[in-house]
N, C-alpha and C. Protein backbone atom coordinates (compact mmCIF):
# COMPACT_ATOMS: atom_id res chain seq x y z
N MET A 1 -6.74 -27.80 102.04
CA MET A 1 -6.63 -28.64 100.93
C MET A 1 -7.77 -28.34 99.93
N TRP A 2 -8.98 -28.16 100.49
CA TRP A 2 -10.07 -27.80 99.62
C TRP A 2 -9.79 -26.49 98.93
N PHE A 3 -9.20 -25.65 99.66
CA PHE A 3 -8.90 -24.35 99.10
C PHE A 3 -7.88 -24.46 97.97
N GLN A 4 -6.95 -25.29 98.17
CA GLN A 4 -5.91 -25.51 97.17
C GLN A 4 -6.53 -26.15 95.93
N LEU A 5 -7.44 -27.09 96.10
CA LEU A 5 -8.08 -27.77 94.97
C LEU A 5 -8.99 -26.79 94.22
N ILE A 6 -9.64 -25.93 94.96
CA ILE A 6 -10.53 -24.96 94.33
C ILE A 6 -9.70 -23.98 93.52
N ASN A 7 -8.58 -23.55 94.08
CA ASN A 7 -7.68 -22.64 93.34
C ASN A 7 -7.13 -23.31 92.10
N GLU A 8 -6.76 -24.56 92.28
CA GLU A 8 -6.19 -25.29 91.13
C GLU A 8 -7.28 -25.49 90.08
N ASN A 9 -8.50 -25.84 90.51
CA ASN A 9 -9.61 -26.03 89.59
C ASN A 9 -9.93 -24.71 88.89
N HIS A 10 -9.90 -23.64 89.65
CA HIS A 10 -10.16 -22.33 89.06
C HIS A 10 -9.06 -21.96 88.05
N GLY A 11 -7.82 -22.26 88.34
CA GLY A 11 -6.69 -22.00 87.42
C GLY A 11 -6.81 -22.84 86.16
N LEU A 12 -7.24 -24.10 86.36
CA LEU A 12 -7.41 -24.98 85.19
C LEU A 12 -8.56 -24.49 84.30
N LYS A 13 -9.64 -24.00 84.93
CA LYS A 13 -10.77 -23.48 84.16
C LYS A 13 -10.33 -22.27 83.34
N LYS A 14 -9.53 -21.39 83.96
CA LYS A 14 -9.02 -20.23 83.22
C LYS A 14 -8.12 -20.67 82.08
N GLY A 15 -7.30 -21.67 82.34
CA GLY A 15 -6.42 -22.19 81.29
C GLY A 15 -7.22 -22.78 80.14
N ILE A 16 -8.30 -23.53 80.53
CA ILE A 16 -9.15 -24.14 79.49
C ILE A 16 -9.85 -23.05 78.69
N GLN A 17 -10.34 -22.00 79.37
CA GLN A 17 -11.01 -20.90 78.68
C GLN A 17 -10.03 -20.20 77.71
N GLU A 18 -8.82 -20.03 78.19
CA GLU A 18 -7.80 -19.39 77.33
C GLU A 18 -7.51 -20.27 76.12
N VAL A 19 -7.38 -21.58 76.36
CA VAL A 19 -7.12 -22.52 75.25
C VAL A 19 -8.32 -22.51 74.29
N GLU A 20 -9.56 -22.48 74.83
CA GLU A 20 -10.74 -22.45 73.97
C GLU A 20 -10.81 -21.15 73.17
N ARG A 21 -10.46 -20.02 73.84
CA ARG A 21 -10.44 -18.74 73.12
C ARG A 21 -9.41 -18.78 72.00
N ILE A 22 -8.21 -19.29 72.30
CA ILE A 22 -7.15 -19.39 71.28
C ILE A 22 -7.61 -20.32 70.17
N ASN A 23 -8.26 -21.44 70.58
CA ASN A 23 -8.76 -22.41 69.59
C ASN A 23 -9.84 -21.75 68.72
N ALA A 24 -10.73 -20.94 69.30
CA ALA A 24 -11.77 -20.25 68.54
C ALA A 24 -11.14 -19.25 67.57
N ASP A 25 -10.10 -18.54 68.05
CA ASP A 25 -9.39 -17.61 67.16
C ASP A 25 -8.77 -18.36 65.99
N LYS A 26 -8.17 -19.49 66.30
CA LYS A 26 -7.53 -20.30 65.25
C LYS A 26 -8.59 -20.80 64.25
N ASP A 27 -9.75 -21.21 64.80
CA ASP A 27 -10.84 -21.67 63.93
C ASP A 27 -11.30 -20.53 63.00
N GLN A 28 -11.42 -19.32 63.56
CA GLN A 28 -11.80 -18.15 62.75
C GLN A 28 -10.76 -17.90 61.66
N GLN A 29 -9.49 -17.97 62.05
CA GLN A 29 -8.42 -17.76 61.06
C GLN A 29 -8.47 -18.85 59.99
N LEU A 30 -8.75 -20.08 60.43
CA LEU A 30 -8.85 -21.19 59.49
C LEU A 30 -10.00 -20.96 58.50
N ILE A 31 -11.15 -20.50 59.02
CA ILE A 31 -12.31 -20.22 58.15
C ILE A 31 -11.97 -19.10 57.17
N VAL A 32 -11.31 -18.06 57.66
CA VAL A 32 -10.91 -16.96 56.78
C VAL A 32 -9.96 -17.46 55.70
N LEU A 33 -8.99 -18.28 56.09
CA LEU A 33 -8.04 -18.84 55.12
C LEU A 33 -8.73 -19.74 54.10
N GLN A 34 -9.72 -20.53 54.58
CA GLN A 34 -10.44 -21.41 53.66
C GLN A 34 -11.24 -20.57 52.64
N ARG A 35 -11.87 -19.51 53.13
CA ARG A 35 -12.63 -18.64 52.21
C ARG A 35 -11.68 -17.97 51.21
N LYS A 36 -10.54 -17.52 51.70
CA LYS A 36 -9.55 -16.90 50.82
C LYS A 36 -9.06 -17.90 49.80
N THR A 37 -8.81 -19.14 50.23
CA THR A 37 -8.36 -20.18 49.31
C THR A 37 -9.43 -20.45 48.25
N GLN A 38 -10.70 -20.49 48.68
CA GLN A 38 -11.78 -20.71 47.71
C GLN A 38 -11.87 -19.53 46.73
N ALA A 39 -11.76 -18.31 47.26
CA ALA A 39 -11.81 -17.13 46.39
C ALA A 39 -10.65 -17.14 45.41
N ASP A 40 -9.47 -17.52 45.91
CA ASP A 40 -8.29 -17.60 45.03
C ASP A 40 -8.49 -18.66 43.95
N ALA A 41 -9.10 -19.79 44.33
CA ALA A 41 -9.35 -20.86 43.35
C ALA A 41 -10.33 -20.38 42.27
N VAL A 42 -11.38 -19.66 42.70
CA VAL A 42 -12.34 -19.13 41.73
C VAL A 42 -11.66 -18.11 40.82
N GLU A 43 -10.85 -17.23 41.41
CA GLU A 43 -10.15 -16.22 40.60
C GLU A 43 -9.18 -16.88 39.63
N LEU A 44 -8.47 -17.92 40.08
CA LEU A 44 -7.54 -18.64 39.21
C LEU A 44 -8.29 -19.28 38.06
N MET A 45 -9.45 -19.89 38.36
CA MET A 45 -10.24 -20.51 37.31
C MET A 45 -10.73 -19.45 36.32
N THR A 46 -11.14 -18.30 36.84
CA THR A 46 -11.61 -17.20 35.99
C THR A 46 -10.48 -16.70 35.09
N LEU A 47 -9.30 -16.55 35.67
CA LEU A 47 -8.15 -16.09 34.89
C LEU A 47 -7.77 -17.10 33.81
N ARG A 48 -7.83 -18.39 34.15
CA ARG A 48 -7.52 -19.42 33.14
C ARG A 48 -8.52 -19.35 31.99
N LYS A 49 -9.80 -19.17 32.34
CA LYS A 49 -10.84 -19.07 31.31
C LYS A 49 -10.60 -17.83 30.43
N ALA A 50 -10.25 -16.70 31.07
CA ALA A 50 -9.97 -15.48 30.31
C ALA A 50 -8.77 -15.67 29.39
N CYS A 51 -7.74 -16.34 29.89
CA CYS A 51 -6.56 -16.62 29.06
C CYS A 51 -6.93 -17.48 27.86
N GLN A 52 -7.77 -18.49 28.11
CA GLN A 52 -8.19 -19.37 27.01
C GLN A 52 -8.98 -18.58 25.97
N LEU A 53 -9.87 -17.71 26.44
CA LEU A 53 -10.65 -16.88 25.51
C LEU A 53 -9.73 -15.97 24.71
N GLN A 54 -8.74 -15.38 25.37
CA GLN A 54 -7.80 -14.51 24.66
C GLN A 54 -6.99 -15.28 23.63
N LYS A 55 -6.59 -16.51 23.99
CA LYS A 55 -5.86 -17.34 23.03
C LYS A 55 -6.73 -17.63 21.81
N GLU A 56 -8.00 -17.93 22.05
CA GLU A 56 -8.92 -18.21 20.94
C GLU A 56 -9.11 -16.96 20.08
N GLU A 57 -9.26 -15.79 20.73
CA GLU A 57 -9.41 -14.54 19.98
C GLU A 57 -8.16 -14.24 19.16
N MET A 58 -6.99 -14.49 19.75
CA MET A 58 -5.73 -14.24 19.03
C MET A 58 -5.63 -15.16 17.82
N ALA A 59 -6.02 -16.43 17.99
CA ALA A 59 -5.98 -17.36 16.86
C ALA A 59 -6.93 -16.89 15.76
N GLU A 60 -8.10 -16.42 16.14
CA GLU A 60 -9.07 -15.90 15.16
C GLU A 60 -8.51 -14.67 14.46
N MET A 61 -7.89 -13.77 15.21
CA MET A 61 -7.30 -12.56 14.62
C MET A 61 -6.16 -12.92 13.67
N GLU A 62 -5.34 -13.89 14.05
CA GLU A 62 -4.25 -14.32 13.16
C GLU A 62 -4.82 -14.89 11.87
N TYR A 63 -5.89 -15.67 11.99
CA TYR A 63 -6.52 -16.23 10.79
C TYR A 63 -7.06 -15.12 9.90
N ARG A 64 -7.74 -14.14 10.53
CA ARG A 64 -8.26 -13.00 9.76
C ARG A 64 -7.13 -12.21 9.11
N ALA A 65 -6.05 -12.00 9.85
CA ALA A 65 -4.92 -11.25 9.30
C ALA A 65 -4.34 -11.97 8.09
N GLN A 66 -4.22 -13.29 8.18
CA GLN A 66 -3.71 -14.06 7.04
C GLN A 66 -4.66 -13.96 5.86
N SER A 67 -5.96 -14.03 6.15
CA SER A 67 -6.96 -13.93 5.09
C SER A 67 -6.90 -12.57 4.42
N VAL A 68 -6.83 -11.51 5.23
CA VAL A 68 -6.78 -10.15 4.68
C VAL A 68 -5.48 -9.95 3.91
N THR A 69 -4.39 -10.49 4.44
CA THR A 69 -3.10 -10.38 3.75
C THR A 69 -3.18 -11.05 2.38
N GLY A 70 -3.82 -12.20 2.34
CA GLY A 70 -4.00 -12.89 1.05
C GLY A 70 -4.82 -12.06 0.08
N GLU A 71 -5.89 -11.46 0.58
CA GLU A 71 -6.73 -10.63 -0.28
C GLU A 71 -5.96 -9.40 -0.77
N ILE A 72 -5.18 -8.82 0.11
CA ILE A 72 -4.39 -7.64 -0.27
C ILE A 72 -3.36 -8.03 -1.33
N ASN A 73 -2.72 -9.18 -1.14
CA ASN A 73 -1.74 -9.63 -2.13
C ASN A 73 -2.41 -9.87 -3.49
N GLU A 74 -3.61 -10.46 -3.45
CA GLU A 74 -4.33 -10.68 -4.71
C GLU A 74 -4.67 -9.35 -5.38
N ALA A 75 -5.14 -8.40 -4.58
CA ALA A 75 -5.50 -7.09 -5.13
C ALA A 75 -4.27 -6.38 -5.68
N ARG A 76 -3.14 -6.49 -4.97
CA ARG A 76 -1.90 -5.86 -5.44
C ARG A 76 -1.46 -6.48 -6.76
N ASP A 77 -1.52 -7.83 -6.83
CA ASP A 77 -1.14 -8.50 -8.07
C ASP A 77 -2.06 -8.10 -9.22
N LYS A 78 -3.36 -7.98 -8.91
CA LYS A 78 -4.31 -7.57 -9.94
C LYS A 78 -3.99 -6.15 -10.42
N CYS A 79 -3.67 -5.26 -9.47
CA CYS A 79 -3.31 -3.88 -9.84
C CYS A 79 -2.04 -3.87 -10.70
N LYS A 80 -1.08 -4.71 -10.33
CA LYS A 80 0.15 -4.78 -11.13
C LYS A 80 -0.15 -5.25 -12.55
N GLU A 81 -1.03 -6.24 -12.65
CA GLU A 81 -1.39 -6.74 -13.97
C GLU A 81 -2.09 -5.64 -14.79
N GLN A 82 -3.01 -4.93 -14.14
CA GLN A 82 -3.72 -3.86 -14.83
C GLN A 82 -2.75 -2.76 -15.25
N LEU A 83 -1.83 -2.42 -14.38
CA LEU A 83 -0.84 -1.40 -14.70
C LEU A 83 0.03 -1.85 -15.88
N ALA A 84 0.45 -3.11 -15.86
CA ALA A 84 1.26 -3.62 -16.96
C ALA A 84 0.46 -3.59 -18.27
N ALA A 85 -0.83 -3.94 -18.19
CA ALA A 85 -1.67 -3.90 -19.40
C ALA A 85 -1.82 -2.47 -19.90
N GLN A 86 -2.01 -1.52 -18.99
CA GLN A 86 -2.13 -0.12 -19.38
C GLN A 86 -0.83 0.40 -19.98
N GLU A 87 0.29 0.00 -19.39
CA GLU A 87 1.58 0.43 -19.94
C GLU A 87 1.79 -0.15 -21.34
N ALA A 88 1.41 -1.42 -21.51
CA ALA A 88 1.54 -2.04 -22.83
C ALA A 88 0.65 -1.33 -23.85
N ALA A 89 -0.58 -1.02 -23.45
CA ALA A 89 -1.50 -0.31 -24.34
C ALA A 89 -0.95 1.08 -24.66
N PHE A 90 -0.41 1.74 -23.66
CA PHE A 90 0.19 3.06 -23.86
C PHE A 90 1.34 2.98 -24.86
N GLU A 91 2.20 2.00 -24.68
CA GLU A 91 3.34 1.85 -25.59
C GLU A 91 2.87 1.55 -27.01
N ALA A 92 1.84 0.71 -27.14
CA ALA A 92 1.32 0.38 -28.47
C ALA A 92 0.73 1.63 -29.11
N GLU A 93 -0.03 2.40 -28.34
CA GLU A 93 -0.63 3.64 -28.86
C GLU A 93 0.46 4.64 -29.23
N LYS A 94 1.47 4.72 -28.39
CA LYS A 94 2.58 5.64 -28.65
C LYS A 94 3.31 5.25 -29.94
N THR A 95 3.53 3.95 -30.12
CA THR A 95 4.19 3.47 -31.34
C THR A 95 3.32 3.78 -32.56
N ALA A 96 2.02 3.54 -32.44
CA ALA A 96 1.11 3.82 -33.56
C ALA A 96 1.11 5.31 -33.90
N ILE A 97 1.10 6.15 -32.85
CA ILE A 97 1.11 7.61 -33.07
C ILE A 97 2.42 8.03 -33.72
N ASN A 98 3.54 7.47 -33.25
CA ASN A 98 4.84 7.80 -33.85
C ASN A 98 4.89 7.36 -35.32
N ASN A 99 4.34 6.18 -35.60
CA ASN A 99 4.31 5.72 -37.00
C ASN A 99 3.44 6.65 -37.85
N ARG A 100 2.29 7.04 -37.29
CA ARG A 100 1.41 7.96 -38.01
C ARG A 100 2.10 9.30 -38.23
N LEU A 101 2.81 9.78 -37.22
CA LEU A 101 3.55 11.03 -37.33
C LEU A 101 4.63 10.92 -38.41
N HIS A 102 5.31 9.78 -38.44
CA HIS A 102 6.33 9.56 -39.48
C HIS A 102 5.68 9.59 -40.87
N ASP A 103 4.53 8.95 -40.99
CA ASP A 103 3.83 8.96 -42.28
C ASP A 103 3.42 10.38 -42.67
N VAL A 104 2.92 11.14 -41.72
CA VAL A 104 2.51 12.51 -42.00
C VAL A 104 3.71 13.34 -42.46
N LEU A 105 4.82 13.20 -41.74
CA LEU A 105 6.02 13.96 -42.12
C LEU A 105 6.54 13.52 -43.50
N SER A 106 6.45 12.23 -43.79
CA SER A 106 6.87 11.72 -45.09
C SER A 106 5.97 12.28 -46.20
N ASN A 107 4.66 12.27 -45.92
CA ASN A 107 3.72 12.84 -46.90
C ASN A 107 3.98 14.32 -47.11
N GLU A 108 4.28 15.02 -46.04
CA GLU A 108 4.57 16.45 -46.16
C GLU A 108 5.79 16.68 -47.05
N ALA A 109 6.83 15.86 -46.84
CA ALA A 109 8.03 16.00 -47.67
C ALA A 109 7.70 15.69 -49.13
N ASN A 110 6.92 14.66 -49.37
CA ASN A 110 6.52 14.32 -50.74
C ASN A 110 5.71 15.44 -51.38
N LEU A 111 4.81 16.01 -50.61
CA LEU A 111 4.00 17.10 -51.13
C LEU A 111 4.86 18.33 -51.45
N LEU A 112 5.81 18.62 -50.60
CA LEU A 112 6.71 19.74 -50.89
C LEU A 112 7.49 19.51 -52.18
N ASN A 113 7.95 18.28 -52.37
CA ASN A 113 8.66 17.96 -53.61
C ASN A 113 7.74 18.10 -54.82
N ARG A 114 6.53 17.66 -54.66
CA ARG A 114 5.57 17.76 -55.76
C ARG A 114 5.26 19.22 -56.05
N ILE A 115 5.10 20.01 -55.01
CA ILE A 115 4.85 21.45 -55.20
C ILE A 115 5.99 22.07 -55.99
N ASN A 116 7.20 21.73 -55.64
CA ASN A 116 8.37 22.29 -56.34
C ASN A 116 8.37 21.90 -57.82
N SER A 117 8.00 20.68 -58.11
CA SER A 117 8.00 20.25 -59.51
C SER A 117 6.86 20.88 -60.30
N LEU A 118 5.75 21.19 -59.62
CA LEU A 118 4.60 21.76 -60.31
C LEU A 118 4.63 23.28 -60.39
N GLU A 119 5.56 23.91 -59.74
CA GLU A 119 5.63 25.36 -59.76
C GLU A 119 5.87 25.91 -61.18
N SER A 120 6.40 25.08 -62.04
CA SER A 120 6.66 25.55 -63.39
C SER A 120 5.35 25.82 -64.15
N GLN A 121 4.33 25.15 -63.82
CA GLN A 121 3.04 25.40 -64.44
C GLN A 121 2.26 26.33 -63.52
N GLU A 122 2.18 27.57 -63.91
CA GLU A 122 1.67 28.63 -63.03
C GLU A 122 0.23 28.41 -62.59
N SER A 123 -0.70 28.28 -63.49
CA SER A 123 -2.11 28.18 -63.09
C SER A 123 -2.38 26.84 -62.39
N TYR A 124 -1.81 25.80 -62.94
CA TYR A 124 -1.98 24.48 -62.33
C TYR A 124 -1.32 24.45 -60.95
N ALA A 125 -0.19 25.08 -60.90
CA ALA A 125 0.57 25.11 -59.66
C ALA A 125 -0.22 25.84 -58.57
N ARG A 126 -0.91 26.94 -58.94
CA ARG A 126 -1.64 27.71 -57.93
C ARG A 126 -2.73 26.83 -57.29
N ALA A 127 -3.46 26.10 -58.11
CA ALA A 127 -4.52 25.22 -57.62
C ALA A 127 -3.93 24.11 -56.75
N GLU A 128 -2.82 23.56 -57.20
CA GLU A 128 -2.17 22.50 -56.43
C GLU A 128 -1.63 23.02 -55.10
N VAL A 129 -1.11 24.24 -55.13
CA VAL A 129 -0.59 24.84 -53.89
C VAL A 129 -1.73 25.00 -52.90
N ASP A 130 -2.87 25.45 -53.36
CA ASP A 130 -4.02 25.59 -52.46
C ASP A 130 -4.41 24.23 -51.87
N LYS A 131 -4.39 23.18 -52.72
CA LYS A 131 -4.71 21.84 -52.23
C LYS A 131 -3.70 21.39 -51.18
N VAL A 132 -2.43 21.65 -51.52
CA VAL A 132 -1.36 21.24 -50.60
C VAL A 132 -1.48 22.00 -49.28
N LEU A 133 -1.74 23.29 -49.34
CA LEU A 133 -1.90 24.08 -48.11
C LEU A 133 -3.07 23.55 -47.28
N PHE A 134 -4.13 23.21 -47.98
CA PHE A 134 -5.27 22.66 -47.26
C PHE A 134 -4.88 21.34 -46.57
N ARG A 135 -4.18 20.51 -47.28
CA ARG A 135 -3.73 19.24 -46.71
C ARG A 135 -2.75 19.46 -45.55
N GLU A 136 -1.88 20.44 -45.73
CA GLU A 136 -0.92 20.74 -44.65
C GLU A 136 -1.66 21.18 -43.39
N ARG A 137 -2.68 22.00 -43.56
CA ARG A 137 -3.47 22.42 -42.40
C ARG A 137 -4.12 21.21 -41.74
N GLU A 138 -4.67 20.33 -42.58
CA GLU A 138 -5.28 19.11 -42.03
C GLU A 138 -4.23 18.28 -41.29
N MET A 139 -3.04 18.18 -41.89
CA MET A 139 -1.98 17.39 -41.25
C MET A 139 -1.51 18.05 -39.95
N ALA A 140 -1.46 19.38 -39.95
CA ALA A 140 -1.06 20.08 -38.72
C ALA A 140 -2.10 19.83 -37.63
N GLU A 141 -3.38 19.87 -38.01
CA GLU A 141 -4.42 19.58 -37.03
C GLU A 141 -4.32 18.14 -36.54
N THR A 142 -4.08 17.23 -37.47
CA THR A 142 -3.92 15.82 -37.10
C THR A 142 -2.72 15.65 -36.18
N LEU A 143 -1.63 16.35 -36.52
CA LEU A 143 -0.42 16.29 -35.68
C LEU A 143 -0.72 16.81 -34.28
N GLN A 144 -1.47 17.89 -34.17
CA GLN A 144 -1.82 18.43 -32.86
C GLN A 144 -2.70 17.44 -32.09
N GLN A 145 -3.64 16.83 -32.78
CA GLN A 145 -4.49 15.85 -32.11
C GLN A 145 -3.68 14.67 -31.61
N LEU A 146 -2.74 14.21 -32.45
CA LEU A 146 -1.90 13.08 -32.03
C LEU A 146 -1.02 13.45 -30.85
N GLN A 147 -0.47 14.67 -30.85
CA GLN A 147 0.35 15.11 -29.71
C GLN A 147 -0.50 15.21 -28.46
N TYR A 148 -1.72 15.69 -28.59
CA TYR A 148 -2.62 15.77 -27.43
C TYR A 148 -2.91 14.37 -26.88
N LYS A 149 -3.15 13.40 -27.76
CA LYS A 149 -3.40 12.03 -27.32
C LYS A 149 -2.19 11.46 -26.59
N VAL A 150 -0.98 11.76 -27.08
CA VAL A 150 0.24 11.29 -26.42
C VAL A 150 0.33 11.89 -25.03
N GLU A 151 0.02 13.18 -24.89
CA GLU A 151 0.06 13.82 -23.57
C GLU A 151 -0.97 13.21 -22.63
N CYS A 152 -2.18 12.94 -23.17
CA CYS A 152 -3.23 12.34 -22.34
C CYS A 152 -2.82 10.95 -21.87
N LEU A 153 -2.26 10.18 -22.78
CA LEU A 153 -1.81 8.83 -22.40
C LEU A 153 -0.71 8.90 -21.35
N GLY A 154 0.19 9.87 -21.49
CA GLY A 154 1.25 10.05 -20.49
C GLY A 154 0.66 10.40 -19.13
N ARG A 155 -0.35 11.30 -19.11
CA ARG A 155 -1.01 11.67 -17.87
C ARG A 155 -1.72 10.47 -17.25
N ASP A 156 -2.39 9.66 -18.11
CA ASP A 156 -3.08 8.47 -17.61
C ASP A 156 -2.09 7.50 -16.98
N LEU A 157 -0.93 7.35 -17.60
CA LEU A 157 0.09 6.44 -17.05
C LEU A 157 0.60 6.97 -15.72
N ASP A 158 0.81 8.28 -15.63
CA ASP A 158 1.25 8.87 -14.35
C ASP A 158 0.20 8.66 -13.27
N ASN A 159 -1.09 8.85 -13.63
CA ASN A 159 -2.17 8.63 -12.66
C ASN A 159 -2.21 7.18 -12.21
N ALA A 160 -2.02 6.25 -13.16
CA ALA A 160 -2.02 4.82 -12.80
C ALA A 160 -0.87 4.53 -11.85
N ASN A 161 0.30 5.14 -12.09
CA ASN A 161 1.44 4.93 -11.19
C ASN A 161 1.14 5.52 -9.81
N ASP A 162 0.46 6.68 -9.76
CA ASP A 162 0.09 7.28 -8.46
C ASP A 162 -0.87 6.38 -7.71
N VAL A 163 -1.84 5.78 -8.41
CA VAL A 163 -2.80 4.89 -7.77
C VAL A 163 -2.07 3.68 -7.21
N ASN A 164 -1.10 3.14 -7.94
CA ASN A 164 -0.33 1.99 -7.46
C ASN A 164 0.46 2.39 -6.22
N TYR A 165 1.04 3.59 -6.19
CA TYR A 165 1.79 4.05 -5.02
C TYR A 165 0.87 4.18 -3.82
N ILE A 166 -0.33 4.74 -4.03
CA ILE A 166 -1.29 4.90 -2.93
C ILE A 166 -1.71 3.53 -2.42
N PHE A 167 -1.95 2.58 -3.30
CA PHE A 167 -2.35 1.24 -2.88
C PHE A 167 -1.26 0.62 -2.02
N VAL A 168 -0.01 0.70 -2.45
CA VAL A 168 1.10 0.13 -1.68
C VAL A 168 1.18 0.81 -0.32
N HIS A 169 0.98 2.15 -0.27
CA HIS A 169 1.02 2.88 1.00
C HIS A 169 -0.10 2.40 1.92
N ILE A 170 -1.32 2.24 1.39
CA ILE A 170 -2.45 1.76 2.19
C ILE A 170 -2.17 0.35 2.68
N PHE A 171 -1.63 -0.49 1.85
CA PHE A 171 -1.32 -1.87 2.22
C PHE A 171 -0.33 -1.91 3.36
N THR A 172 0.78 -1.14 3.26
CA THR A 172 1.78 -1.16 4.34
C THR A 172 1.21 -0.59 5.61
N THR A 173 0.36 0.45 5.51
CA THR A 173 -0.28 1.02 6.71
C THR A 173 -1.20 0.00 7.33
N PHE A 174 -1.98 -0.70 6.54
CA PHE A 174 -2.89 -1.71 7.04
C PHE A 174 -2.13 -2.81 7.75
N LEU A 175 -1.03 -3.28 7.16
CA LEU A 175 -0.23 -4.34 7.77
C LEU A 175 0.36 -3.86 9.09
N SER A 176 0.81 -2.60 9.13
CA SER A 176 1.37 -2.11 10.38
C SER A 176 0.30 -2.00 11.45
N ILE A 177 -0.95 -1.75 11.08
CA ILE A 177 -2.05 -1.68 12.05
C ILE A 177 -2.36 -3.09 12.55
N ILE A 178 -2.40 -4.04 11.66
CA ILE A 178 -2.75 -5.41 12.03
C ILE A 178 -1.69 -6.02 12.94
N PHE A 179 -0.44 -5.86 12.57
CA PHE A 179 0.61 -6.52 13.33
C PHE A 179 1.24 -5.54 14.27
């Protein structure tokens, strides 16, 4: 009987040791899980903070983009106004040059008529012809100067249109970079 009780006691001790070992393993697993849970909680909090910072940065970037877009629109409108003013000035100059050219051509026709009427007086006519030729040369030079100014104004208008095209290209490129 003693032997049986000792065997039973020994079996129970082994069972208790096994249960304690299993319990210790479970405790270790529980500690590992708790640490993992804490690490996950810290990581989740870190990710939430990072998301919040990114949201704030995005809001700031959107504000900046709107501000820059407004400035670009103002600059574009200003360029359009300047271009319109230059075109108006060009047209006014062109009209003035055309009027001056018409006057020069009219004077030339009048001078030719006068030359024809004065040809009957030989000596007087010779002096008048020299005067008229001198004036014609002056008018030809004036005509060349006026034509040169018209060409320069045309070139300036083309350059202004090129600058407007470049500005629009830069603006669209900038917007595509921002958005």
